[in-house]
Protein backbone atom coordinates (compact mmCIF):
# COMPACT_ATOMS: atom_id res chain seq x y z
CA UNK A 1 102.05 101.30 72.66
CA UNK A 2 103.05 104.71 71.24
CA UNK A 3 101.71 105.80 67.88
CA UNK A 4 101.85 109.45 66.87
CA UNK A 5 104.89 111.67 66.44
CA UNK A 6 104.97 114.11 69.38
CA UNK A 7 107.62 113.70 72.04
CA UNK A 8 106.66 113.28 75.67
CA UNK A 9 105.99 116.72 77.14
CA UNK A 10 106.94 117.67 80.69
CA UNK A 11 103.27 118.14 81.49
CA UNK A 12 102.33 114.67 80.25
CA UNK A 13 105.28 113.15 82.07
CA UNK A 14 104.36 114.85 85.35
CA UNK A 15 100.75 113.60 85.02
CA UNK A 16 101.91 110.03 84.48
CA UNK A 17 104.46 110.17 87.32
CA UNK A 18 101.77 111.49 89.69
CA UNK A 19 99.66 108.44 88.87
CA UNK A 20 102.15 105.94 90.34
CA UNK A 21 100.55 103.52 92.77
CA UNK A 22 102.89 101.35 94.83
CA UNK A 23 101.84 97.71 94.98
CA UNK A 24 102.52 95.99 98.31
CA UNK A 25 102.42 92.20 98.32
CA UNK A 26 99.58 90.86 100.47
CA UNK A 27 102.05 88.68 102.40
CA UNK A 28 104.25 91.63 103.35
CA UNK A 29 104.21 92.27 107.10
CA UNK A 30 105.62 94.87 109.45
CA UNK A 31 105.49 97.66 106.90
CA UNK A 32 103.65 100.33 108.88
CA UNK A 33 106.62 102.72 108.68
CA UNK A 34 106.48 102.42 104.88
CA UNK A 35 102.74 103.00 104.54
CA UNK A 36 103.02 105.89 107.00
CA UNK A 37 105.67 107.44 104.71
CA UNK A 38 103.46 106.88 101.64
CA UNK A 39 100.48 108.44 103.42
CA UNK A 40 102.55 111.44 104.52
CA UNK A 41 103.74 112.05 100.97
CA UNK A 42 100.30 111.30 99.46
CA UNK A 43 101.72 108.35 97.53
CA UNK A 44 98.98 105.93 96.56
CA UNK A 45 99.42 102.26 97.41
CA UNK A 46 97.41 99.07 97.18
CA UNK A 47 97.82 95.54 98.45
CA UNK A 48 97.88 92.78 95.88
CA UNK A 49 99.59 89.42 95.61
CA UNK A 50 102.86 89.67 93.68
CA UNK A 51 104.56 86.68 92.03
CA UNK A 52 107.92 87.86 93.34
CA UNK A 53 109.18 90.69 95.49
CA UNK A 54 107.32 92.66 98.11
CA UNK A 55 106.85 95.95 96.24
CA UNK A 56 106.24 97.02 92.66
CA UNK A 57 104.07 99.66 91.01
CA UNK A 58 101.45 100.53 88.44
CA UNK A 59 100.26 103.69 86.75
CA UNK A 60 96.70 104.87 86.22
CA UNK A 61 95.04 104.61 82.81
CA UNK A 62 96.63 107.15 80.47
CA UNK A 63 94.62 108.05 77.39
CA UNK A 64 97.49 109.76 75.57
CA UNK A 65 99.40 106.47 75.69
CA UNK A 66 96.27 104.51 74.81
CA UNK A 67 96.37 102.70 78.15
CA UNK A 68 92.75 102.32 79.18
CA UNK A 69 93.43 100.25 82.29
CA UNK A 70 96.07 100.58 85.02
CA UNK A 71 99.43 99.50 83.62
CA UNK A 72 101.47 97.34 85.98
CA UNK A 73 105.25 97.12 86.11
CA UNK A 74 105.21 94.15 88.50
CA UNK A 75 106.72 91.81 85.88
CA UNK A 76 109.49 94.35 85.15
CA UNK A 77 110.72 95.58 88.53
CA UNK A 78 110.24 94.54 92.13
CA UNK A 79 111.81 95.23 95.48
CA UNK A 80 112.29 92.34 97.86
CA UNK A 81 112.44 93.84 101.35
CA UNK A 82 114.23 92.29 104.32
CA UNK A 83 113.69 94.12 107.57
CA UNK A 84 117.08 93.09 108.97
CA UNK A 85 120.29 91.16 108.41
CA UNK A 86 118.80 88.52 110.71
CA UNK A 87 115.85 87.97 108.39
CA UNK A 88 118.12 87.81 105.33
CA UNK A 89 120.40 85.37 107.11
CA UNK A 90 117.41 83.10 107.74
CA UNK A 91 116.53 83.27 104.04
CA UNK A 92 120.09 82.33 103.08
CA UNK A 93 120.23 79.43 105.54
CA UNK A 94 116.92 77.93 106.73
CA UNK A 95 114.59 79.17 103.93
CA UNK A 96 117.14 79.05 101.13
CA UNK A 97 115.12 76.98 98.65
CA UNK A 98 112.02 79.17 98.99
CA UNK A 99 114.16 82.31 98.62
CA UNK A 100 115.92 80.92 95.54
CA UNK A 101 112.56 80.03 93.99
CA UNK A 102 111.45 83.66 94.34
CA UNK A 103 114.70 84.92 92.80
CA UNK A 104 114.29 82.42 89.96
CA UNK A 105 110.74 83.63 89.24
CA UNK A 106 112.01 87.21 88.97
CA UNK A 107 114.92 86.24 86.74
CA UNK A 108 112.70 84.08 84.50
CA UNK A 109 110.31 87.02 84.09
CA UNK A 110 113.23 89.21 83.03
CA UNK A 111 112.47 91.57 85.92
CA UNK A 112 114.91 93.76 87.75
CA UNK A 113 114.89 92.62 91.38
CA UNK A 114 116.31 94.85 94.08
CA UNK A 115 117.02 93.27 97.44
CA UNK A 116 116.55 96.06 99.99
CA UNK A 117 117.90 95.24 103.45
CA UNK A 118 116.88 97.63 106.19
CA UNK A 119 119.55 98.50 108.73
CA UNK A 120 122.21 96.32 107.16
CA UNK A 121 125.59 96.95 105.61
CA UNK A 122 128.52 94.97 104.29
CA UNK A 123 130.58 95.92 107.34
CA UNK A 124 127.83 94.67 109.69
CA UNK A 125 127.96 91.31 107.89
CA UNK A 126 131.78 91.16 108.01
CA UNK A 127 131.75 92.07 111.71
CA UNK A 128 128.96 89.52 112.41
CA UNK A 129 126.59 92.14 113.78
CA UNK A 130 123.50 89.99 113.32
CA UNK A 131 121.85 87.45 115.56
CA UNK A 132 122.20 84.15 113.68
CA UNK A 133 124.78 81.39 113.50
CA UNK A 134 125.49 81.85 109.79
CA UNK A 135 129.18 82.76 109.66
CA UNK A 136 130.35 85.88 107.88
CA UNK A 137 132.11 84.05 105.08
CA UNK A 138 129.06 81.93 104.25
CA UNK A 139 126.82 84.98 104.45
CA UNK A 140 128.99 86.92 102.00
CA UNK A 141 129.46 83.92 99.71
CA UNK A 142 125.70 83.31 99.50
CA UNK A 143 124.89 86.94 98.92
CA UNK A 144 127.52 87.46 96.21
CA UNK A 145 126.57 84.17 94.54
CA UNK A 146 122.92 85.25 94.43
CA UNK A 147 123.84 88.70 93.09
CA UNK A 148 125.59 87.11 90.12
CA UNK A 149 123.39 84.03 89.65
CA UNK A 150 120.09 85.90 89.70
CA UNK A 151 121.31 89.32 88.53
CA UNK A 152 119.89 91.08 91.59
CA UNK A 153 120.92 94.37 93.11
CA UNK A 154 121.49 94.58 96.87
CA UNK A 155 120.90 97.85 98.70
CA UNK A 156 121.34 98.44 102.43
CA UNK A 157 118.98 101.19 103.59
CA UNK A 158 118.25 102.68 107.02
CA UNK A 159 114.63 101.88 107.91
CA UNK A 160 113.70 105.54 108.12
CA UNK A 161 114.55 105.98 104.42
CA UNK A 162 113.04 102.74 103.12
CA UNK A 163 109.79 104.31 101.90
CA UNK A 164 111.64 107.04 100.05
CA UNK A 165 113.97 104.43 98.53
CA UNK A 166 111.07 102.28 97.28
CA UNK A 167 109.15 105.16 95.74
CA UNK A 168 112.27 106.76 94.23
CA UNK A 169 113.26 103.51 92.51
CA UNK A 170 109.88 103.32 90.80
CA UNK A 171 109.58 107.04 90.06
CA UNK A 172 112.97 107.37 88.38
CA UNK A 173 112.68 104.10 86.48
CA UNK A 174 109.39 105.30 85.00
CA UNK A 175 110.71 108.81 84.37
CA UNK A 176 113.68 107.48 82.40
CA UNK A 177 111.38 105.29 80.31
CA UNK A 178 109.03 108.20 79.61
CA UNK A 179 111.83 110.53 78.50
CA UNK A 180 112.39 108.66 75.27
CA UNK A 181 108.78 107.90 74.38
CA UNK A 182 107.08 109.23 71.31
CA UNK A 183 103.34 109.60 71.77
């Protein structure tokens, strides 16, 4: 991908980072607060079917890197969003097989998968502050088992910061990768 001997300049890096487009899975619902954040910050986004996760990103064609088409990171990183502990509880109980299949697809692709739960926390799980019958111990056991089995990261985020969290994950992942490139 990189061929000559110059290191990545700050100017080139800034240009590439400005080209980030968030990909929102076509099946993702109830994400108006996220698209409103993206619009307010002039962050580009598109809707496209993802094989796993609800959010990923791509960058625009970059001639200096000899990328003549948008370059997608959807097979490398994705964020699976749950809008509440209730929704996650349903995935761990009633929709477990479907949820595991999605986690398996991400793991098989070698992708980093971040499970972002809006409005949740470990203490809310322990104190059973969710509206399902899944008991706290089973909830914790399932979540910790999935963390280790599928090598996922779990992040509890207030809804008002979810858009910033999504974009920041992608921005800083890409920035760290660009820092070491030789172009």
